[in-house]
Amino acid sequence: MTDGQPRDIDCREALDRLYEYIDEELTPVRAAEVRLHLEECAPCLAVSKFEDAYVRFIEARTRVQSAPDALKKRILQELLFETGEHQAP
């Protein structure tokens, strides 16, 4: 790497850095190296698109979702009733 300019990298190096590239964890120069390689290498671009879709799918499926407030309140009321800590209405 000269003067902070991106250098040509091979397929192995591009794919080794792919997840960091997808997650935007590379320095700007390293990201440019991977991006330039992907622009010029159809097989690596195909792998990149698949891996990016896979990562996004997993992220969407593992997001924490909260229960609706009404359900939480009902569960809490039932738990308090079961433990004898309920209050008379």
PDB file of N, CA and C in Angstrom:
ATOM      1  N   MET A   1       0.850  -1.170   0.000  1.00  0.00           N
ATOM      2  CA  MET A   1       0.000   0.000   0.000  1.00  0.00           C
ATOM      3  C   MET A   1       0.895   1.231   0.000  1.00  0.00           C
ATOM      4  N   THR A   2       0.674   2.123  -0.913  1.00  0.00           N
ATOM      5  CA  THR A   2       1.497   3.308  -1.029  1.00  0.00           C
ATOM      6  C   THR A   2       0.631   4.545  -0.845  1.00  0.00           C
ATOM      7  N   ASP A   3       1.078   5.458   0.008  1.00  0.00           N
ATOM      8  CA  ASP A   3       0.386   6.739   0.215  1.00  0.00           C
ATOM      9  C   ASP A   3      -1.093   6.563   0.573  1.00  0.00           C
ATOM     10  N   GLY A   4      -1.432   5.495   1.269  1.00  0.00           N
ATOM     11  CA  GLY A   4      -2.817   5.285   1.666  1.00  0.00           C
ATOM     12  C   GLY A   4      -3.753   4.948   0.524  1.00  0.00           C
ATOM     13  N   GLN A   5      -3.192   4.594  -0.611  1.00  0.00           N
ATOM     14  CA  GLN A   5      -4.007   4.235  -1.774  1.00  0.00           C
ATOM     15  C   GLN A   5      -4.330   2.747  -1.745  1.00  0.00           C
ATOM     16  N   PRO A   6      -5.539   2.374  -2.182  1.00  0.00           N
ATOM     17  CA  PRO A   6      -5.866   0.947  -2.240  1.00  0.00           C
ATOM     18  C   PRO A   6      -4.947   0.217  -3.216  1.00  0.00           C
ATOM     19  N   ARG A   7      -4.637  -1.020  -2.894  1.00  0.00           N
ATOM     20  CA  ARG A   7      -3.798  -1.841  -3.769  1.00  0.00           C
ATOM     21  C   ARG A   7      -4.649  -2.979  -4.307  1.00  0.00           C
ATOM     22  N   ASP A   8      -4.165  -3.600  -5.355  1.00  0.00           N
ATOM     23  CA  ASP A   8      -4.857  -4.763  -5.899  1.00  0.00           C
ATOM     24  C   ASP A   8      -4.711  -5.924  -4.921  1.00  0.00           C
ATOM     25  N   ILE A   9      -5.805  -6.610  -4.653  1.00  0.00           N
ATOM     26  CA  ILE A   9      -5.757  -7.787  -3.791  1.00  0.00           C
ATOM     27  C   ILE A   9      -6.325  -8.973  -4.564  1.00  0.00           C
ATOM     28  N   ASP A  10      -5.942 -10.169  -4.137  1.00  0.00           N
ATOM     29  CA  ASP A  10      -6.429 -11.369  -4.824  1.00  0.00           C
ATOM     30  C   ASP A  10      -7.737 -11.848  -4.182  1.00  0.00           C
ATOM     31  N   CYS A  11      -8.303 -12.887  -4.776  1.00  0.00           N
ATOM     32  CA  CYS A  11      -9.587 -13.420  -4.306  1.00  0.00           C
ATOM     33  C   CYS A  11      -9.511 -13.877  -2.851  1.00  0.00           C
ATOM     34  N   ARG A  12      -8.443 -14.570  -2.500  1.00  0.00           N
ATOM     35  CA  ARG A  12      -8.313 -15.073  -1.132  1.00  0.00           C
ATOM     36  C   ARG A  12      -8.384 -13.942  -0.120  1.00  0.00           C
ATOM     37  N   GLU A  13      -7.623 -12.880  -0.379  1.00  0.00           N
ATOM     38  CA  GLU A  13      -7.598 -11.756   0.551  1.00  0.00           C
ATOM     39  C   GLU A  13      -8.949 -11.039   0.592  1.00  0.00           C
ATOM     40  N   ALA A  14      -9.574 -10.882  -0.560  1.00  0.00           N
ATOM     41  CA  ALA A  14     -10.887 -10.230  -0.601  1.00  0.00           C
ATOM     42  C   ALA A  14     -11.910 -11.031   0.200  1.00  0.00           C
ATOM     43  N   LEU A  15     -11.914 -12.345   0.011  1.00  0.00           N
ATOM     44  CA  LEU A  15     -12.882 -13.180   0.722  1.00  0.00           C
ATOM     45  C   LEU A  15     -12.548 -13.298   2.202  1.00  0.00           C
ATOM     46  N   ASP A  16     -11.261 -13.238   2.552  1.00  0.00           N
ATOM     47  CA  ASP A  16     -10.866 -13.248   3.963  1.00  0.00           C
ATOM     48  C   ASP A  16     -11.398 -12.020   4.697  1.00  0.00           C
ATOM     49  N   ARG A  17     -11.558 -10.939   3.983  1.00  0.00           N
ATOM     50  CA  ARG A  17     -12.014  -9.684   4.594  1.00  0.00           C
ATOM     51  C   ARG A  17     -13.483  -9.392   4.329  1.00  0.00           C
ATOM     52  N   LEU A  18     -14.173 -10.334   3.722  1.00  0.00           N
ATOM     53  CA  LEU A  18     -15.545 -10.084   3.271  1.00  0.00           C
ATOM     54  C   LEU A  18     -16.499  -9.732   4.408  1.00  0.00           C
ATOM     55  N   TYR A  19     -16.466 -10.492   5.503  1.00  0.00           N
ATOM     56  CA  TYR A  19     -17.408 -10.210   6.588  1.00  0.00           C
ATOM     57  C   TYR A  19     -17.116  -8.861   7.232  1.00  0.00           C
ATOM     58  N   GLU A  20     -15.852  -8.529   7.370  1.00  0.00           N
ATOM     59  CA  GLU A  20     -15.515  -7.202   7.903  1.00  0.00           C
ATOM     60  C   GLU A  20     -15.980  -6.111   6.943  1.00  0.00           C
ATOM     61  N   TYR A  21     -15.910  -6.389   5.651  1.00  0.00           N
ATOM     62  CA  TYR A  21     -16.377  -5.437   4.640  1.00  0.00           C
ATOM     63  C   TYR A  21     -17.891  -5.273   4.744  1.00  0.00           C
ATOM     64  N   ILE A  22     -18.600  -6.389   4.812  1.00  0.00           N
ATOM     65  CA  ILE A  22     -20.064  -6.348   4.913  1.00  0.00           C
ATOM     66  C   ILE A  22     -20.489  -5.588   6.167  1.00  0.00           C
ATOM     67  N   ASP A  23     -19.790  -5.816   7.273  1.00  0.00           N
ATOM     68  CA  ASP A  23     -20.134  -5.168   8.546  1.00  0.00           C
ATOM     69  C   ASP A  23     -19.540  -3.768   8.688  1.00  0.00           C
ATOM     70  N   GLU A  24     -18.891  -3.283   7.631  1.00  0.00           N
ATOM     71  CA  GLU A  24     -18.290  -1.945   7.604  1.00  0.00           C
ATOM     72  C   GLU A  24     -17.298  -1.747   8.746  1.00  0.00           C
ATOM     73  N   GLU A  25     -16.449  -2.763   8.965  1.00  0.00           N
ATOM     74  CA  GLU A  25     -15.455  -2.723  10.027  1.00  0.00           C
ATOM     75  C   GLU A  25     -14.038  -2.502   9.503  1.00  0.00           C
ATOM     76  N   LEU A  26     -13.876  -2.298   8.214  1.00  0.00           N
ATOM     77  CA  LEU A  26     -12.553  -2.088   7.626  1.00  0.00           C
ATOM     78  C   LEU A  26     -12.212  -0.599   7.585  1.00  0.00           C
ATOM     79  N   THR A  27     -10.925  -0.327   7.549  1.00  0.00           N
ATOM     80  CA  THR A  27     -10.505   1.060   7.325  1.00  0.00           C
ATOM     81  C   THR A  27     -10.964   1.464   5.923  1.00  0.00           C
ATOM     82  N   PRO A  28     -11.054   2.755   5.657  1.00  0.00           N
ATOM     83  CA  PRO A  28     -11.470   3.181   4.313  1.00  0.00           C
ATOM     84  C   PRO A  28     -10.598   2.603   3.197  1.00  0.00           C
ATOM     85  N   VAL A  29      -9.297   2.512   3.414  1.00  0.00           N
ATOM     86  CA  VAL A  29      -8.395   1.986   2.374  1.00  0.00           C
ATOM     87  C   VAL A  29      -8.657   0.501   2.165  1.00  0.00           C
ATOM     88  N   ARG A  30      -8.758  -0.270   3.251  1.00  0.00           N
ATOM     89  CA  ARG A  30      -9.026  -1.715   3.133  1.00  0.00           C
ATOM     90  C   ARG A  30     -10.397  -1.953   2.475  1.00  0.00           C
ATOM     91  N   ALA A  31     -11.395  -1.171   2.858  1.00  0.00           N
ATOM     92  CA  ALA A  31     -12.727  -1.314   2.248  1.00  0.00           C
ATOM     93  C   ALA A  31     -12.660  -1.025   0.757  1.00  0.00           C
ATOM     94  N   ALA A  32     -11.878  -0.025   0.375  1.00  0.00           N
ATOM     95  CA  ALA A  32     -11.723   0.297  -1.048  1.00  0.00           C
ATOM     96  C   ALA A  32     -11.059  -0.848  -1.795  1.00  0.00           C
ATOM     97  N   GLU A  33     -10.088  -1.498  -1.165  1.00  0.00           N
ATOM     98  CA  GLU A  33      -9.420  -2.637  -1.802  1.00  0.00           C
ATOM     99  C   GLU A  33     -10.413  -3.758  -2.082  1.00  0.00           C
ATOM    100  N   VAL A  34     -11.227  -4.073  -1.091  1.00  0.00           N
ATOM    101  CA  VAL A  34     -12.218  -5.141  -1.274  1.00  0.00           C
ATOM    102  C   VAL A  34     -13.242  -4.716  -2.324  1.00  0.00           C
ATOM    103  N   ARG A  35     -13.745  -3.490  -2.224  1.00  0.00           N
ATOM    104  CA  ARG A  35     -14.745  -3.002  -3.171  1.00  0.00           C
ATOM    105  C   ARG A  35     -14.216  -3.044  -4.602  1.00  0.00           C
ATOM    106  N   LEU A  36     -12.969  -2.593  -4.803  1.00  0.00           N
ATOM    107  CA  LEU A  36     -12.376  -2.629  -6.153  1.00  0.00           C
ATOM    108  C   LEU A  36     -12.258  -4.059  -6.664  1.00  0.00           C
ATOM    109  N   HIS A  37     -11.873  -4.976  -5.792  1.00  0.00           N
ATOM    110  CA  HIS A  37     -11.760  -6.370  -6.210  1.00  0.00           C
ATOM    111  C   HIS A  37     -13.142  -6.908  -6.609  1.00  0.00           C
ATOM    112  N   LEU A  38     -14.147  -6.612  -5.792  1.00  0.00           N
ATOM    113  CA  LEU A  38     -15.495  -7.102  -6.094  1.00  0.00           C
ATOM    114  C   LEU A  38     -16.032  -6.527  -7.409  1.00  0.00           C
ATOM    115  N   GLU A  39     -15.665  -5.300  -7.703  1.00  0.00           N
ATOM    116  CA  GLU A  39     -16.101  -4.683  -8.961  1.00  0.00           C
ATOM    117  C   GLU A  39     -15.484  -5.363 -10.179  1.00  0.00           C
ATOM    118  N   GLU A  40     -14.331  -5.976  -9.989  1.00  0.00           N
ATOM    119  CA  GLU A  40     -13.611  -6.584 -11.105  1.00  0.00           C
ATOM    120  C   GLU A  40     -13.711  -8.105 -11.163  1.00  0.00           C
ATOM    121  N   CYS A  41     -14.241  -8.740 -10.109  1.00  0.00           N
ATOM    122  CA  CYS A  41     -14.235 -10.201 -10.033  1.00  0.00           C
ATOM    123  C   CYS A  41     -15.665 -10.712  -9.833  1.00  0.00           C
ATOM    124  N   ALA A  42     -16.276 -11.191 -10.895  1.00  0.00           N
ATOM    125  CA  ALA A  42     -17.661 -11.656 -10.829  1.00  0.00           C
ATOM    126  C   ALA A  42     -17.871 -12.805  -9.835  1.00  0.00           C
ATOM    127  N   PRO A  43     -16.985 -13.805  -9.778  1.00  0.00           N
ATOM    128  CA  PRO A  43     -17.194 -14.879  -8.806  1.00  0.00           C
ATOM    129  C   PRO A  43     -17.181 -14.378  -7.354  1.00  0.00           C
ATOM    130  N   CYS A  44     -16.262 -13.482  -7.025  1.00  0.00           N
ATOM    131  CA  CYS A  44     -16.211 -12.946  -5.658  1.00  0.00           C
ATOM    132  C   CYS A  44     -17.416 -12.053  -5.381  1.00  0.00           C
ATOM    133  N   LEU A  45     -17.857 -11.319  -6.389  1.00  0.00           N
ATOM    134  CA  LEU A  45     -19.049 -10.488  -6.224  1.00  0.00           C
ATOM    135  C   LEU A  45     -20.266 -11.352  -5.927  1.00  0.00           C
ATOM    136  N   ALA A  46     -20.386 -12.482  -6.608  1.00  0.00           N
ATOM    137  CA  ALA A  46     -21.508 -13.392  -6.367  1.00  0.00           C
ATOM    138  C   ALA A  46     -21.465 -13.929  -4.930  1.00  0.00           C
ATOM    139  N   VAL A  47     -20.276 -14.307  -4.474  1.00  0.00           N
ATOM    140  CA  VAL A  47     -20.125 -14.771  -3.092  1.00  0.00           C
ATOM    141  C   VAL A  47     -20.497 -13.651  -2.133  1.00  0.00           C
ATOM    142  N   SER A  48     -20.042 -12.445  -2.425  1.00  0.00           N
ATOM    143  CA  SER A  48     -20.322 -11.290  -1.583  1.00  0.00           C
ATOM    144  C   SER A  48     -21.821 -11.028  -1.468  1.00  0.00           C
ATOM    145  N   LYS A  49     -22.518 -11.080  -2.583  1.00  0.00           N
ATOM    146  CA  LYS A  49     -23.966 -10.843  -2.558  1.00  0.00           C
ATOM    147  C   LYS A  49     -24.678 -11.908  -1.736  1.00  0.00           C
ATOM    148  N   PHE A  50     -24.276 -13.170  -1.904  1.00  0.00           N
ATOM    149  CA  PHE A  50     -24.888 -14.252  -1.134  1.00  0.00           C
ATOM    150  C   PHE A  50     -24.620 -14.064   0.358  1.00  0.00           C
ATOM    151  N   GLU A  51     -23.368 -13.819   0.717  1.00  0.00           N
ATOM    152  CA  GLU A  51     -23.001 -13.672   2.128  1.00  0.00           C
ATOM    153  C   GLU A  51     -23.681 -12.461   2.754  1.00  0.00           C
ATOM    154  N   ASP A  52     -23.781 -11.369   2.008  1.00  0.00           N
ATOM    155  CA  ASP A  52     -24.461 -10.179   2.516  1.00  0.00           C
ATOM    156  C   ASP A  52     -25.932 -10.482   2.777  1.00  0.00           C
ATOM    157  N   ALA A  53     -26.583 -11.161   1.858  1.00  0.00           N
ATOM    158  CA  ALA A  53     -27.986 -11.532   2.043  1.00  0.00           C
ATOM    159  C   ALA A  53     -28.149 -12.460   3.245  1.00  0.00           C
ATOM    160  N   TYR A  54     -27.229 -13.392   3.396  1.00  0.00           N
ATOM    161  CA  TYR A  54     -27.273 -14.332   4.520  1.00  0.00           C
ATOM    162  C   TYR A  54     -27.116 -13.597   5.857  1.00  0.00           C
ATOM    163  N   VAL A  55     -26.156 -12.695   5.934  1.00  0.00           N
ATOM    164  CA  VAL A  55     -25.934 -11.928   7.168  1.00  0.00           C
ATOM    165  C   VAL A  55     -27.176 -11.102   7.496  1.00  0.00           C
ATOM    166  N   ARG A  56     -27.743 -10.444   6.510  1.00  0.00           N
ATOM    167  CA  ARG A  56     -28.944  -9.618   6.744  1.00  0.00           C
ATOM    168  C   ARG A  56     -30.122 -10.486   7.188  1.00  0.00           C
ATOM    169  N   PHE A  57     -30.254 -11.679   6.610  1.00  0.00           N
ATOM    170  CA  PHE A  57     -31.321 -12.607   6.992  1.00  0.00           C
ATOM    171  C   PHE A  57     -31.164 -13.003   8.462  1.00  0.00           C
ATOM    172  N   ILE A  58     -29.957 -13.385   8.846  1.00  0.00           N
ATOM    173  CA  ILE A  58     -29.701 -13.793  10.235  1.00  0.00           C
ATOM    174  C   ILE A  58     -29.957 -12.624  11.184  1.00  0.00           C
ATOM    175  N   GLU A  59     -29.504 -11.444  10.827  1.00  0.00           N
ATOM    176  CA  GLU A  59     -29.740 -10.267  11.673  1.00  0.00           C
ATOM    177  C   GLU A  59     -31.236 -10.013  11.859  1.00  0.00           C
ATOM    178  N   ALA A  60     -32.002 -10.141  10.791  1.00  0.00           N
ATOM    179  CA  ALA A  60     -33.446  -9.906  10.877  1.00  0.00           C
ATOM    180  C   ALA A  60     -34.127 -10.946  11.755  1.00  0.00           C
ATOM    181  N   ARG A  61     -33.658 -12.167  11.709  1.00  0.00           N
ATOM    182  CA  ARG A  61     -34.270 -13.249  12.482  1.00  0.00           C
ATOM    183  C   ARG A  61     -33.878 -13.242  13.949  1.00  0.00           C
ATOM    184  N   THR A  62     -32.800 -12.565  14.279  1.00  0.00           N
ATOM    185  CA  THR A  62     -32.323 -12.596  15.662  1.00  0.00           C
ATOM    186  C   THR A  62     -32.559 -11.288  16.409  1.00  0.00           C
ATOM    187  N   ARG A  63     -33.256 -10.365  15.809  1.00  0.00           N
ATOM    188  CA  ARG A  63     -33.559  -9.114  16.508  1.00  0.00           C
ATOM    189  C   ARG A  63     -34.483  -9.411  17.680  1.00  0.00           C
ATOM    190  N   VAL A  64     -34.198  -8.750  18.775  1.00  0.00           N
ATOM    191  CA  VAL A  64     -35.023  -8.919  19.964  1.00  0.00           C
ATOM    192  C   VAL A  64     -36.298  -8.109  19.782  1.00  0.00           C
ATOM    193  N   GLN A  65     -37.408  -8.800  19.940  1.00  0.00           N
ATOM    194  CA  GLN A  65     -38.689  -8.120  19.858  1.00  0.00           C
ATOM    195  C   GLN A  65     -39.374  -8.219  21.206  1.00  0.00           C
ATOM    196  N   SER A  66     -39.972  -7.148  21.600  1.00  0.00           N
ATOM    197  CA  SER A  66     -40.641  -7.092  22.885  1.00  0.00           C
ATOM    198  C   SER A  66     -42.106  -7.499  22.715  1.00  0.00           C
ATOM    199  N   ALA A  67     -42.641  -8.076  23.777  1.00  0.00           N
ATOM    200  CA  ALA A  67     -44.061  -8.425  23.775  1.00  0.00           C
ATOM    201  C   ALA A  67     -44.883  -7.146  23.907  1.00  0.00           C
ATOM    202  N   PRO A  68     -46.101  -7.152  23.402  1.00  0.00           N
ATOM    203  CA  PRO A  68     -46.972  -5.984  23.557  1.00  0.00           C
ATOM    204  C   PRO A  68     -47.209  -5.698  25.046  1.00  0.00           C
ATOM    205  N   ASP A  69     -47.401  -4.429  25.377  1.00  0.00           N
ATOM    206  CA  ASP A  69     -47.591  -4.023  26.769  1.00  0.00           C
ATOM    207  C   ASP A  69     -48.761  -4.748  27.428  1.00  0.00           C
ATOM    208  N   ALA A  70     -49.857  -4.937  26.710  1.00  0.00           N
ATOM    209  CA  ALA A  70     -51.028  -5.604  27.291  1.00  0.00           C
ATOM    210  C   ALA A  70     -50.691  -7.042  27.683  1.00  0.00           C
ATOM    211  N   LEU A  71     -49.898  -7.730  26.863  1.00  0.00           N
ATOM    212  CA  LEU A  71     -49.513  -9.101  27.177  1.00  0.00           C
ATOM    213  C   LEU A  71     -48.594  -9.130  28.394  1.00  0.00           C
ATOM    214  N   LYS A  72     -47.635  -8.211  28.446  1.00  0.00           N
ATOM    215  CA  LYS A  72     -46.739  -8.154  29.611  1.00  0.00           C
ATOM    216  C   LYS A  72     -47.526  -7.912  30.894  1.00  0.00           C
ATOM    217  N   LYS A  73     -48.511  -7.022  30.833  1.00  0.00           N
ATOM    218  CA  LYS A  73     -49.329  -6.711  32.009  1.00  0.00           C
ATOM    219  C   LYS A  73     -50.124  -7.933  32.442  1.00  0.00           C
ATOM    220  N   ARG A  74     -50.703  -8.655  31.480  1.00  0.00           N
ATOM    221  CA  ARG A  74     -51.472  -9.867  31.805  1.00  0.00           C
ATOM    222  C   ARG A  74     -50.595 -10.932  32.446  1.00  0.00           C
ATOM    223  N   ILE A  75     -49.406 -11.119  31.896  1.00  0.00           N
ATOM    224  CA  ILE A  75     -48.479 -12.113  32.448  1.00  0.00           C
ATOM    225  C   ILE A  75     -48.077 -11.733  33.865  1.00  0.00           C
ATOM    226  N   LEU A  76     -47.767 -10.471  34.077  1.00  0.00           N
ATOM    227  CA  LEU A  76     -47.396 -10.004  35.409  1.00  0.00           C
ATOM    228  C   LEU A  76     -48.544 -10.210  36.397  1.00  0.00           C
ATOM    229  N   GLN A  77     -49.750  -9.913  35.977  1.00  0.00           N
ATOM    230  CA  GLN A  77     -50.916 -10.119  36.851  1.00  0.00           C
ATOM    231  C   GLN A  77     -51.076 -11.594  37.205  1.00  0.00           C
ATOM    232  N   GLU A  78     -50.903 -12.457  36.229  1.00  0.00           N
ATOM    233  CA  GLU A  78     -51.018 -13.897  36.482  1.00  0.00           C
ATOM    234  C   GLU A  78     -49.918 -14.372  37.433  1.00  0.00           C
ATOM    235  N   LEU A  79     -48.702 -13.892  37.231  1.00  0.00           N
ATOM    236  CA  LEU A  79     -47.603 -14.284  38.108  1.00  0.00           C
ATOM    237  C   LEU A  79     -47.841 -13.801  39.537  1.00  0.00           C
ATOM    238  N   LEU A  80     -48.303 -12.576  39.691  1.00  0.00           N
ATOM    239  CA  LEU A  80     -48.594 -12.047  41.019  1.00  0.00           C
ATOM    240  C   LEU A  80     -49.735 -12.817  41.676  1.00  0.00           C
ATOM    241  N   PHE A  81     -50.726 -13.195  40.897  1.00  0.00           N
ATOM    242  CA  PHE A  81     -51.856 -13.965  41.428  1.00  0.00           C
ATOM    243  C   PHE A  81     -51.377 -15.330  41.909  1.00  0.00           C
ATOM    244  N   GLU A  82     -50.509 -15.966  41.100  1.00  0.00           N
ATOM    245  CA  GLU A  82     -50.001 -17.297  41.447  1.00  0.00           C
ATOM    246  C   GLU A  82     -49.139 -17.266  42.713  1.00  0.00           C
ATOM    247  N   THR A  83     -48.451 -16.168  42.943  1.00  0.00           N
ATOM    248  CA  THR A  83     -47.580 -16.081  44.119  1.00  0.00           C
ATOM    249  C   THR A  83     -48.302 -15.499  45.320  1.00  0.00           C
ATOM    250  N   GLY A  84     -49.594 -15.158  45.162  1.00  0.00           N
ATOM    251  CA  GLY A  84     -50.370 -14.604  46.264  1.00  0.00           C
ATOM    252  C   GLY A  84     -50.088 -13.139  46.527  1.00  0.00           C
ATOM    253  N   GLU A  85     -49.433 -12.478  45.605  1.00  0.00           N
ATOM    254  CA  GLU A  85     -49.110 -11.064  45.796  1.00  0.00           C
ATOM    255  C   GLU A  85     -50.082 -10.154  45.084  1.00  0.00           C
ATOM    256  N   HIS A  86     -51.224 -10.674  44.704  1.00  0.00           N
ATOM    257  CA  HIS A  86     -52.187  -9.857  43.951  1.00  0.00           C
ATOM    258  C   HIS A  86     -52.939  -8.936  44.899  1.00  0.00           C
ATOM    259  N   GLN A  87     -53.473  -7.894  44.316  1.00  0.00           N
ATOM    260  CA  GLN A  87     -54.275  -6.954  45.073  1.00  0.00           C
ATOM    261  C   GLN A  87     -55.719  -7.116  44.647  1.00  0.00           C
ATOM    262  N   ALA A  88     -56.595  -6.916  45.566  1.00  0.00           N
ATOM    263  CA  ALA A  88     -58.016  -6.991  45.235  1.00  0.00           C
ATOM    264  C   ALA A  88     -58.377  -5.826  44.354  1.00  0.00           C
ATOM    265  N   PRO A  89     -59.214  -6.054  43.354  1.00  0.00           N
ATOM    266  CA  PRO A  89     -59.594  -4.954  42.440  1.00  0.00           C
ATOM    267  C   PRO A  89     -60.426  -3.896  43.116  1.00  0.00           C
TER     268      PRO A  89
END
